[in-house]
Full PDB file with SEQRES, HELIX, SHEET, SSBOND, CRYST1, ORIGX, SCALE, CONECT and MASTER records, all heavy atoms in Angstrom:
SEQRES   1 A   37  VAL GLU GLU GLY ARG PHE ALA LEU ASN ALA ALA SER LEU          
SEQRES   2 A   37  ALA ILE VAL THR GLY LEU PRO LYS LYS ALA ASP THR ALA          
SEQRES   3 A   37  GLU ARG ILE PHE GLU VAL ARG GLN ARG LEU GLY                  
HELIX    1 AA1 ALA A   10  VAL A   16  1                                   7    
HELIX    2 AA2 THR A   25  LEU A   36  1                                  12    
CRYST1    1.000    1.000    1.000  90.00  90.00  90.00 P 1           1          
ORIGX1      1.000000  0.000000  0.000000        0.00000                         
ORIGX2      0.000000  1.000000  0.000000        0.00000                         
ORIGX3      0.000000  0.000000  1.000000        0.00000                         
SCALE1      1.000000  0.000000  0.000000        0.00000                         
SCALE2      0.000000  1.000000  0.000000        0.00000                         
SCALE3      0.000000  0.000000  1.000000        0.00000                         
ATOM      1  N   VAL A   1       5.689  16.260  41.987  1.00  0.00           N  
ATOM      2  CA  VAL A   1       6.205  15.875  40.702  1.00  0.00           C  
ATOM      3  C   VAL A   1       5.066  15.835  39.723  1.00  0.00           C  
ATOM      4  O   VAL A   1       4.015  15.194  39.950  1.00  0.00           O  
ATOM      5  CB  VAL A   1       6.873  14.511  40.779  1.00  0.00           C  
ATOM      6  CG1 VAL A   1       7.407  14.046  39.386  1.00  0.00           C  
ATOM      7  CG2 VAL A   1       8.063  14.507  41.732  1.00  0.00           C  
ATOM      8  N   GLU A   2       5.251  16.450  38.585  1.00  0.00           N  
ATOM      9  CA  GLU A   2       4.286  16.454  37.517  1.00  0.00           C  
ATOM     10  C   GLU A   2       4.959  16.045  36.197  1.00  0.00           C  
ATOM     11  O   GLU A   2       5.745  16.797  35.699  1.00  0.00           O  
ATOM     12  CB  GLU A   2       3.679  17.870  37.331  1.00  0.00           C  
ATOM     13  CG  GLU A   2       2.927  18.378  38.523  1.00  0.00           C  
ATOM     14  CD  GLU A   2       2.504  19.874  38.351  1.00  0.00           C  
ATOM     15  OE1 GLU A   2       2.712  20.414  37.254  1.00  0.00           O  
ATOM     16  OE2 GLU A   2       2.025  20.404  39.317  1.00  0.00           O  
ATOM     17  N   GLU A   3       4.694  14.846  35.749  1.00  0.00           N  
ATOM     18  CA  GLU A   3       5.254  14.297  34.507  1.00  0.00           C  
ATOM     19  C   GLU A   3       6.773  14.352  34.522  1.00  0.00           C  
ATOM     20  O   GLU A   3       7.388  14.691  33.530  1.00  0.00           O  
ATOM     21  CB  GLU A   3       4.708  15.091  33.296  1.00  0.00           C  
ATOM     22  CG  GLU A   3       3.209  15.013  33.185  1.00  0.00           C  
ATOM     23  CD  GLU A   3       2.665  15.905  32.075  1.00  0.00           C  
ATOM     24  OE1 GLU A   3       3.499  16.519  31.331  1.00  0.00           O  
ATOM     25  OE2 GLU A   3       1.439  15.941  31.932  1.00  0.00           O  
ATOM     26  N   GLY A   4       7.398  13.984  35.653  1.00  0.00           N  
ATOM     27  CA  GLY A   4       8.815  13.941  35.748  1.00  0.00           C  
ATOM     28  C   GLY A   4       9.498  15.305  36.022  1.00  0.00           C  
ATOM     29  O   GLY A   4      10.698  15.361  36.006  1.00  0.00           O  
ATOM     30  N   ARG A   5       8.700  16.312  36.211  1.00  0.00           N  
ATOM     31  CA  ARG A   5       9.201  17.621  36.477  1.00  0.00           C  
ATOM     32  C   ARG A   5       8.821  18.037  37.893  1.00  0.00           C  
ATOM     33  O   ARG A   5       7.770  17.611  38.439  1.00  0.00           O  
ATOM     34  CB  ARG A   5       8.642  18.684  35.508  1.00  0.00           C  
ATOM     35  CG  ARG A   5       9.086  18.451  34.119  1.00  0.00           C  
ATOM     36  CD  ARG A   5       8.364  19.448  33.190  1.00  0.00           C  
ATOM     37  NE  ARG A   5       8.823  19.309  31.800  1.00  0.00           N  
ATOM     38  CZ  ARG A   5       9.564  20.207  31.211  1.00  0.00           C  
ATOM     39  NH1 ARG A   5       9.894  21.311  31.804  1.00  0.00           N  
ATOM     40  NH2 ARG A   5       9.922  20.027  29.990  1.00  0.00           N  
ATOM     41  N   PHE A   6       9.675  18.819  38.567  1.00  0.00           N  
ATOM     42  CA  PHE A   6       9.469  19.149  39.972  1.00  0.00           C  
ATOM     43  C   PHE A   6       8.881  20.572  40.101  1.00  0.00           C  
ATOM     44  O   PHE A   6       9.322  21.470  39.336  1.00  0.00           O  
ATOM     45  CB  PHE A   6      10.758  19.047  40.737  1.00  0.00           C  
ATOM     46  CG  PHE A   6      11.286  17.621  40.764  1.00  0.00           C  
ATOM     47  CD1 PHE A   6      12.124  17.169  39.823  1.00  0.00           C  
ATOM     48  CD2 PHE A   6      10.863  16.753  41.797  1.00  0.00           C  
ATOM     49  CE1 PHE A   6      12.609  15.859  39.869  1.00  0.00           C  
ATOM     50  CE2 PHE A   6      11.364  15.457  41.887  1.00  0.00           C  
ATOM     51  CZ  PHE A   6      12.177  15.019  40.855  1.00  0.00           C  
ATOM     52  N   ALA A   7       8.043  20.757  41.065  1.00  0.00           N  
ATOM     53  CA  ALA A   7       7.436  22.051  41.319  1.00  0.00           C  
ATOM     54  C   ALA A   7       7.109  22.188  42.821  1.00  0.00           C  
ATOM     55  O   ALA A   7       7.054  21.205  43.522  1.00  0.00           O  
ATOM     56  CB  ALA A   7       6.169  22.277  40.491  1.00  0.00           C  
ATOM     57  N   LEU A   8       6.968  23.418  43.269  1.00  0.00           N  
ATOM     58  CA  LEU A   8       6.609  23.697  44.631  1.00  0.00           C  
ATOM     59  C   LEU A   8       5.078  23.650  44.727  1.00  0.00           C  
ATOM     60  O   LEU A   8       4.373  23.991  43.748  1.00  0.00           O  
ATOM     61  CB  LEU A   8       7.071  25.115  45.062  1.00  0.00           C  
ATOM     62  CG  LEU A   8       8.539  25.389  44.989  1.00  0.00           C  
ATOM     63  CD1 LEU A   8       8.792  26.842  45.410  1.00  0.00           C  
ATOM     64  CD2 LEU A   8       9.276  24.426  45.918  1.00  0.00           C  
ATOM     65  N   ASN A   9       4.516  23.120  45.804  1.00  0.00           N  
ATOM     66  CA  ASN A   9       3.073  23.108  45.992  1.00  0.00           C  
ATOM     67  C   ASN A   9       2.666  24.356  46.737  1.00  0.00           C  
ATOM     68  O   ASN A   9       3.464  25.253  47.019  1.00  0.00           O  
ATOM     69  CB  ASN A   9       2.660  21.825  46.684  1.00  0.00           C  
ATOM     70  CG  ASN A   9       3.150  21.720  48.103  1.00  0.00           C  
ATOM     71  OD1 ASN A   9       3.745  22.650  48.643  1.00  0.00           O  
ATOM     72  ND2 ASN A   9       3.032  20.571  48.712  1.00  0.00           N  
ATOM     73  N   ALA A  10       1.398  24.478  47.128  1.00  0.00           N  
ATOM     74  CA  ALA A  10       0.829  25.689  47.721  1.00  0.00           C  
ATOM     75  C   ALA A  10       1.505  26.025  49.043  1.00  0.00           C  
ATOM     76  O   ALA A  10       1.773  27.160  49.333  1.00  0.00           O  
ATOM     77  CB  ALA A  10      -0.659  25.506  47.876  1.00  0.00           C  
ATOM     78  N   ALA A  11       1.802  25.022  49.886  1.00  0.00           N  
ATOM     79  CA  ALA A  11       2.419  25.285  51.196  1.00  0.00           C  
ATOM     80  C   ALA A  11       3.840  25.894  50.996  1.00  0.00           C  
ATOM     81  O   ALA A  11       4.162  26.867  51.713  1.00  0.00           O  
ATOM     82  CB  ALA A  11       2.487  24.043  52.003  1.00  0.00           C  
ATOM     83  N   SER A  12       4.573  25.334  50.160  1.00  0.00           N  
ATOM     84  CA  SER A  12       5.958  25.853  49.918  1.00  0.00           C  
ATOM     85  C   SER A  12       5.917  27.175  49.173  1.00  0.00           C  
ATOM     86  O   SER A  12       6.834  28.026  49.364  1.00  0.00           O  
ATOM     87  CB  SER A  12       6.825  24.831  49.184  1.00  0.00           C  
ATOM     88  OG  SER A  12       6.253  24.456  47.974  1.00  0.00           O  
ATOM     89  N   LEU A  13       4.975  27.406  48.331  1.00  0.00           N  
ATOM     90  CA  LEU A  13       4.869  28.720  47.648  1.00  0.00           C  
ATOM     91  C   LEU A  13       4.559  29.812  48.672  1.00  0.00           C  
ATOM     92  O   LEU A  13       5.035  30.932  48.606  1.00  0.00           O  
ATOM     93  CB  LEU A  13       3.834  28.682  46.573  1.00  0.00           C  
ATOM     94  CG  LEU A  13       4.178  28.052  45.267  1.00  0.00           C  
ATOM     95  CD1 LEU A  13       3.000  27.989  44.317  1.00  0.00           C  
ATOM     96  CD2 LEU A  13       5.338  28.768  44.609  1.00  0.00           C  
ATOM     97  N   ALA A  14       3.777  29.439  49.737  1.00  0.00           N  
ATOM     98  CA  ALA A  14       3.493  30.434  50.733  1.00  0.00           C  
ATOM     99  C   ALA A  14       4.759  30.771  51.556  1.00  0.00           C  
ATOM    100  O   ALA A  14       4.913  31.883  51.965  1.00  0.00           O  
ATOM    101  CB  ALA A  14       2.412  29.853  51.690  1.00  0.00           C  
ATOM    102  N   ILE A  15       5.613  29.799  51.715  1.00  0.00           N  
ATOM    103  CA  ILE A  15       6.887  30.063  52.396  1.00  0.00           C  
ATOM    104  C   ILE A  15       7.787  30.958  51.573  1.00  0.00           C  
ATOM    105  O   ILE A  15       8.426  31.891  52.131  1.00  0.00           O  
ATOM    106  CB  ILE A  15       7.564  28.719  52.745  1.00  0.00           C  
ATOM    107  CG1 ILE A  15       6.776  27.912  53.792  1.00  0.00           C  
ATOM    108  CG2 ILE A  15       9.002  28.906  53.238  1.00  0.00           C  
ATOM    109  CD1 ILE A  15       7.274  26.512  54.032  1.00  0.00           C  
ATOM    110  N   VAL A  16       7.850  30.722  50.329  1.00  0.00           N  
ATOM    111  CA  VAL A  16       8.790  31.434  49.467  1.00  0.00           C  
ATOM    112  C   VAL A  16       8.262  32.824  49.063  1.00  0.00           C  
ATOM    113  O   VAL A  16       9.029  33.738  48.811  1.00  0.00           O  
ATOM    114  CB  VAL A  16       9.101  30.627  48.167  1.00  0.00           C  
ATOM    115  CG1 VAL A  16       9.980  31.405  47.209  1.00  0.00           C  
ATOM    116  CG2 VAL A  16       9.806  29.327  48.584  1.00  0.00           C  
ATOM    117  N   THR A  17       6.932  33.012  49.064  1.00  0.00           N  
ATOM    118  CA  THR A  17       6.301  34.258  48.667  1.00  0.00           C  
ATOM    119  C   THR A  17       6.597  35.345  49.717  1.00  0.00           C  
ATOM    120  O   THR A  17       6.524  35.085  50.898  1.00  0.00           O  
ATOM    121  CB  THR A  17       4.763  34.098  48.480  1.00  0.00           C  
ATOM    122  OG1 THR A  17       4.554  33.092  47.546  1.00  0.00           O  
ATOM    123  CG2 THR A  17       4.162  35.359  48.011  1.00  0.00           C  
ATOM    124  N   GLY A  18       6.941  36.496  49.215  1.00  0.00           N  
ATOM    125  CA  GLY A  18       7.128  37.583  50.099  1.00  0.00           C  
ATOM    126  C   GLY A  18       8.581  37.748  50.640  1.00  0.00           C  
ATOM    127  O   GLY A  18       8.835  38.494  51.553  1.00  0.00           O  
ATOM    128  N   LEU A  19       9.493  36.974  50.078  1.00  0.00           N  
ATOM    129  CA  LEU A  19      10.901  37.113  50.479  1.00  0.00           C  
ATOM    130  C   LEU A  19      11.444  38.494  50.012  1.00  0.00           C  
ATOM    131  O   LEU A  19      10.985  38.998  48.962  1.00  0.00           O  
ATOM    132  CB  LEU A  19      11.759  36.028  49.873  1.00  0.00           C  
ATOM    133  CG  LEU A  19      11.576  34.624  50.462  1.00  0.00           C  
ATOM    134  CD1 LEU A  19      12.383  33.612  49.686  1.00  0.00           C  
ATOM    135  CD2 LEU A  19      11.965  34.595  51.897  1.00  0.00           C  
ATOM    136  N   PRO A  20      12.312  39.047  50.769  1.00  0.00           N  
ATOM    137  CA  PRO A  20      12.873  40.363  50.316  1.00  0.00           C  
ATOM    138  C   PRO A  20      13.604  40.269  48.987  1.00  0.00           C  
ATOM    139  O   PRO A  20      14.509  39.420  48.920  1.00  0.00           O  
ATOM    140  CB  PRO A  20      13.826  40.810  51.466  1.00  0.00           C  
ATOM    141  CG  PRO A  20      13.981  39.588  52.348  1.00  0.00           C  
ATOM    142  CD  PRO A  20      12.886  38.622  52.043  1.00  0.00           C  
ATOM    143  N   LYS A  21      13.247  41.029  48.055  1.00  0.00           N  
ATOM    144  CA  LYS A  21      13.820  40.914  46.709  1.00  0.00           C  
ATOM    145  C   LYS A  21      15.239  41.496  46.598  1.00  0.00           C  
ATOM    146  O   LYS A  21      16.056  41.016  45.830  1.00  0.00           O  
ATOM    147  CB  LYS A  21      12.954  41.619  45.689  1.00  0.00           C  
ATOM    148  CG  LYS A  21      11.596  40.938  45.513  1.00  0.00           C  
ATOM    149  CD  LYS A  21      10.781  41.578  44.450  1.00  0.00           C  
ATOM    150  CE  LYS A  21       9.407  41.015  44.496  1.00  0.00           C  
ATOM    151  NZ  LYS A  21       9.041  40.101  43.494  1.00  0.00           N  
ATOM    152  N   LYS A  22      15.552  42.499  47.436  1.00  0.00           N  
ATOM    153  CA  LYS A  22      16.829  43.085  47.329  1.00  0.00           C  
ATOM    154  C   LYS A  22      17.861  42.513  48.316  1.00  0.00           C  
ATOM    155  O   LYS A  22      19.031  42.889  48.340  1.00  0.00           O  
ATOM    156  CB  LYS A  22      16.740  44.553  47.607  1.00  0.00           C  
ATOM    157  CG  LYS A  22      15.977  45.311  46.498  1.00  0.00           C  
ATOM    158  CD  LYS A  22      16.071  46.793  46.680  1.00  0.00           C  
ATOM    159  CE  LYS A  22      15.355  47.465  45.522  1.00  0.00           C  
ATOM    160  NZ  LYS A  22      15.537  48.906  45.546  1.00  0.00           N  
ATOM    161  N   ALA A  23      17.446  41.470  49.071  1.00  0.00           N  
ATOM    162  CA  ALA A  23      18.372  40.823  50.006  1.00  0.00           C  
ATOM    163  C   ALA A  23      19.296  39.887  49.204  1.00  0.00           C  
ATOM    164  O   ALA A  23      18.971  39.406  48.149  1.00  0.00           O  
ATOM    165  CB  ALA A  23      17.589  40.010  51.009  1.00  0.00           C  
ATOM    166  N   ASP A  24      20.473  39.686  49.790  1.00  0.00           N  
ATOM    167  CA  ASP A  24      21.405  38.782  49.111  1.00  0.00           C  
ATOM    168  C   ASP A  24      20.976  37.322  49.411  1.00  0.00           C  
ATOM    169  O   ASP A  24      20.034  37.057  50.190  1.00  0.00           O  
ATOM    170  CB  ASP A  24      22.831  39.054  49.578  1.00  0.00           C  
ATOM    171  CG  ASP A  24      23.076  38.750  51.009  1.00  0.00           C  
ATOM    172  OD1 ASP A  24      22.103  38.658  51.792  1.00  0.00           O  
ATOM    173  OD2 ASP A  24      24.283  38.634  51.417  1.00  0.00           O  
ATOM    174  N   THR A  25      21.662  36.378  48.795  1.00  0.00           N  
ATOM    175  CA  THR A  25      21.274  34.999  48.874  1.00  0.00           C  
ATOM    176  C   THR A  25      21.252  34.450  50.308  1.00  0.00           C  
ATOM    177  O   THR A  25      20.361  33.718  50.703  1.00  0.00           O  
ATOM    178  CB  THR A  25      22.156  34.134  47.962  1.00  0.00           C  
ATOM    179  OG1 THR A  25      22.127  34.653  46.635  1.00  0.00           O  
ATOM    180  CG2 THR A  25      21.678  32.686  47.936  1.00  0.00           C  
ATOM    181  N   ALA A  26      22.259  34.808  51.080  1.00  0.00           N  
ATOM    182  CA  ALA A  26      22.401  34.302  52.426  1.00  0.00           C  
ATOM    183  C   ALA A  26      21.192  34.806  53.281  1.00  0.00           C  
ATOM    184  O   ALA A  26      20.671  33.996  54.063  1.00  0.00           O  
ATOM    185  CB  ALA A  26      23.725  34.742  53.064  1.00  0.00           C  
ATOM    186  N   GLU A  27      20.809  35.990  53.083  1.00  0.00           N  
ATOM    187  CA  GLU A  27      19.667  36.541  53.849  1.00  0.00           C  
ATOM    188  C   GLU A  27      18.318  35.802  53.466  1.00  0.00           C  
ATOM    189  O   GLU A  27      17.537  35.519  54.315  1.00  0.00           O  
ATOM    190  CB  GLU A  27      19.517  38.021  53.645  1.00  0.00           C  
ATOM    191  CG  GLU A  27      20.634  38.821  54.331  1.00  0.00           C  
ATOM    192  CD  GLU A  27      20.603  40.290  53.918  1.00  0.00           C  
ATOM    193  OE1 GLU A  27      19.697  40.697  53.137  1.00  0.00           O  
ATOM    194  OE2 GLU A  27      21.426  41.053  54.471  1.00  0.00           O  
ATOM    195  N   ARG A  28      18.224  35.589  52.176  1.00  0.00           N  
ATOM    196  CA  ARG A  28      16.981  34.872  51.690  1.00  0.00           C  
ATOM    197  C   ARG A  28      16.951  33.397  52.233  1.00  0.00           C  
ATOM    198  O   ARG A  28      15.914  32.964  52.640  1.00  0.00           O  
ATOM    199  CB  ARG A  28      16.934  34.907  50.189  1.00  0.00           C  
ATOM    200  CG  ARG A  28      16.864  36.325  49.626  1.00  0.00           C  
ATOM    201  CD  ARG A  28      16.825  36.396  48.160  1.00  0.00           C  
ATOM    202  NE  ARG A  28      15.402  36.186  47.785  1.00  0.00           N  
ATOM    203  CZ  ARG A  28      15.009  35.913  46.588  1.00  0.00           C  
ATOM    204  NH1 ARG A  28      15.864  35.793  45.608  1.00  0.00           N  
ATOM    205  NH2 ARG A  28      13.722  35.805  46.294  1.00  0.00           N  
ATOM    206  N   ILE A  29      18.131  32.729  52.204  1.00  0.00           N  
ATOM    207  CA  ILE A  29      18.148  31.403  52.752  1.00  0.00           C  
ATOM    208  C   ILE A  29      17.821  31.402  54.222  1.00  0.00           C  
ATOM    209  O   ILE A  29      17.066  30.499  54.703  1.00  0.00           O  
ATOM    210  CB  ILE A  29      19.540  30.770  52.483  1.00  0.00           C  
ATOM    211  CG1 ILE A  29      19.666  30.497  50.924  1.00  0.00           C  
ATOM    212  CG2 ILE A  29      19.730  29.505  53.233  1.00  0.00           C  
ATOM    213  CD1 ILE A  29      21.065  30.013  50.510  1.00  0.00           C  
ATOM    214  N   PHE A  30      18.343  32.352  54.953  1.00  0.00           N  
ATOM    215  CA  PHE A  30      18.032  32.454  56.378  1.00  0.00           C  
ATOM    216  C   PHE A  30      16.549  32.685  56.612  1.00  0.00           C  
ATOM    217  O   PHE A  30      15.971  31.987  57.514  1.00  0.00           O  
ATOM    218  CB  PHE A  30      18.860  33.606  56.996  1.00  0.00           C  
ATOM    219  CG  PHE A  30      18.549  33.816  58.491  1.00  0.00           C  
ATOM    220  CD1 PHE A  30      19.143  32.911  59.411  1.00  0.00           C  
ATOM    221  CD2 PHE A  30      17.832  34.839  58.903  1.00  0.00           C  
ATOM    222  CE1 PHE A  30      18.935  33.107  60.771  1.00  0.00           C  
ATOM    223  CE2 PHE A  30      17.554  35.011  60.243  1.00  0.00           C  
ATOM    224  CZ  PHE A  30      18.117  34.140  61.195  1.00  0.00           C  
ATOM    225  N   GLU A  31      15.933  33.487  55.816  1.00  0.00           N  
ATOM    226  CA  GLU A  31      14.452  33.746  55.946  1.00  0.00           C  
ATOM    227  C   GLU A  31      13.660  32.464  55.612  1.00  0.00           C  
ATOM    228  O   GLU A  31      12.698  32.182  56.295  1.00  0.00           O  
ATOM    229  CB  GLU A  31      14.052  34.871  55.079  1.00  0.00           C  
ATOM    230  CG  GLU A  31      12.638  35.316  55.135  1.00  0.00           C  
ATOM    231  CD  GLU A  31      12.279  35.928  56.457  1.00  0.00           C  
ATOM    232  OE1 GLU A  31      13.145  36.550  57.143  1.00  0.00           O  
ATOM    233  OE2 GLU A  31      11.133  35.783  56.898  1.00  0.00           O  
ATOM    234  N   VAL A  32      14.094  31.780  54.575  1.00  0.00           N  
ATOM    235  CA  VAL A  32      13.392  30.511  54.240  1.00  0.00           C  
ATOM    236  C   VAL A  32      13.530  29.489  55.375  1.00  0.00           C  
ATOM    237  O   VAL A  32      12.587  28.803  55.700  1.00  0.00           O  
ATOM    238  CB  VAL A  32      13.938  29.907  52.890  1.00  0.00           C  
ATOM    239  CG1 VAL A  32      13.446  28.541  52.678  1.00  0.00           C  
ATOM    240  CG2 VAL A  32      13.450  30.806  51.763  1.00  0.00           C  
ATOM    241  N   ARG A  33      14.729  29.366  55.974  1.00  0.00           N  
ATOM    242  CA  ARG A  33      14.945  28.452  57.050  1.00  0.00           C  
ATOM    243  C   ARG A  33      13.988  28.818  58.281  1.00  0.00           C  
ATOM    244  O   ARG A  33      13.481  27.955  58.951  1.00  0.00           O  
ATOM    245  CB  ARG A  33      16.355  28.423  57.459  1.00  0.00           C  
ATOM    246  CG  ARG A  33      17.215  27.611  56.519  1.00  0.00           C  
ATOM    247  CD  ARG A  33      18.628  27.510  56.998  1.00  0.00           C  
ATOM    248  NE  ARG A  33      19.425  26.676  56.083  1.00  0.00           N  
ATOM    249  CZ  ARG A  33      20.719  26.591  56.174  1.00  0.00           C  
ATOM    250  NH1 ARG A  33      21.410  27.127  57.118  1.00  0.00           N  
ATOM    251  NH2 ARG A  33      21.364  25.794  55.311  1.00  0.00           N  
ATOM    252  N   GLN A  34      13.869  30.116  58.555  1.00  0.00           N  
ATOM    253  CA  GLN A  34      13.016  30.479  59.642  1.00  0.00           C  
ATOM    254  C   GLN A  34      11.579  30.095  59.341  1.00  0.00           C  
ATOM    255  O   GLN A  34      10.915  29.566  60.239  1.00  0.00           O  
ATOM    256  CB  GLN A  34      13.135  31.981  59.883  1.00  0.00           C  
ATOM    257  CG  GLN A  34      14.334  32.427  60.645  1.00  0.00           C  
ATOM    258  CD  GLN A  34      14.261  33.891  61.005  1.00  0.00           C  
ATOM    259  OE1 GLN A  34      13.673  34.704  60.282  1.00  0.00           O  
ATOM    260  NE2 GLN A  34      14.899  34.275  62.143  1.00  0.00           N  
ATOM    261  N   ARG A  35      11.111  30.326  58.129  1.00  0.00           N  
ATOM    262  CA  ARG A  35       9.750  30.018  57.790  1.00  0.00           C  
ATOM    263  C   ARG A  35       9.540  28.489  57.816  1.00  0.00           C  
ATOM    264  O   ARG A  35       8.474  28.053  58.101  1.00  0.00           O  
ATOM    265  CB  ARG A  35       9.411  30.590  56.430  1.00  0.00           C  
ATOM    266  CG  ARG A  35       9.324  32.155  56.463  1.00  0.00           C  
ATOM    267  CD  ARG A  35       9.016  32.661  55.128  1.00  0.00           C  
ATOM    268  NE  ARG A  35       9.021  34.121  55.111  1.00  0.00           N  
ATOM    269  CZ  ARG A  35       8.670  34.918  54.098  1.00  0.00           C  
ATOM    270  NH1 ARG A  35       8.286  34.314  52.946  1.00  0.00           N  
ATOM    271  NH2 ARG A  35       8.726  36.212  54.188  1.00  0.00           N  
ATOM    272  N   LEU A  36      10.544  27.708  57.355  1.00  0.00           N  
ATOM    273  CA  LEU A  36      10.447  26.272  57.414  1.00  0.00           C  
ATOM    274  C   LEU A  36      10.387  25.764  58.846  1.00  0.00           C  
ATOM    275  O   LEU A  36       9.683  24.785  59.128  1.00  0.00           O  
ATOM    276  CB  LEU A  36      11.651  25.620  56.692  1.00  0.00           C  
ATOM    277  CG  LEU A  36      11.615  25.596  55.159  1.00  0.00           C  
ATOM    278  CD1 LEU A  36      12.939  25.076  54.606  1.00  0.00           C  
ATOM    279  CD2 LEU A  36      10.491  24.729  54.742  1.00  0.00           C  
ATOM    280  N   GLY A  37      11.027  26.410  59.754  1.00  0.00           N  
ATOM    281  CA  GLY A  37      10.968  26.014  61.130  1.00  0.00           C  
ATOM    282  C   GLY A  37       9.581  26.250  61.721  1.00  0.00           C  
ATOM    283  O   GLY A  37       9.125  25.445  62.546  1.00  0.00           O  
TER     284      GLY A  37                                                      
MASTER        0    0    0    2    0    0    0    6  283    1    0    3          
END                                                                             
């Protein structure tokens, strides 16, 4: 949290970076869940 606003930190940016851009939302959520695991 920065001044009442929310942002991702470096660890979560590494998880989200490199997701397939042309994938639909369900595929992107699945990939994020795998990386979170």
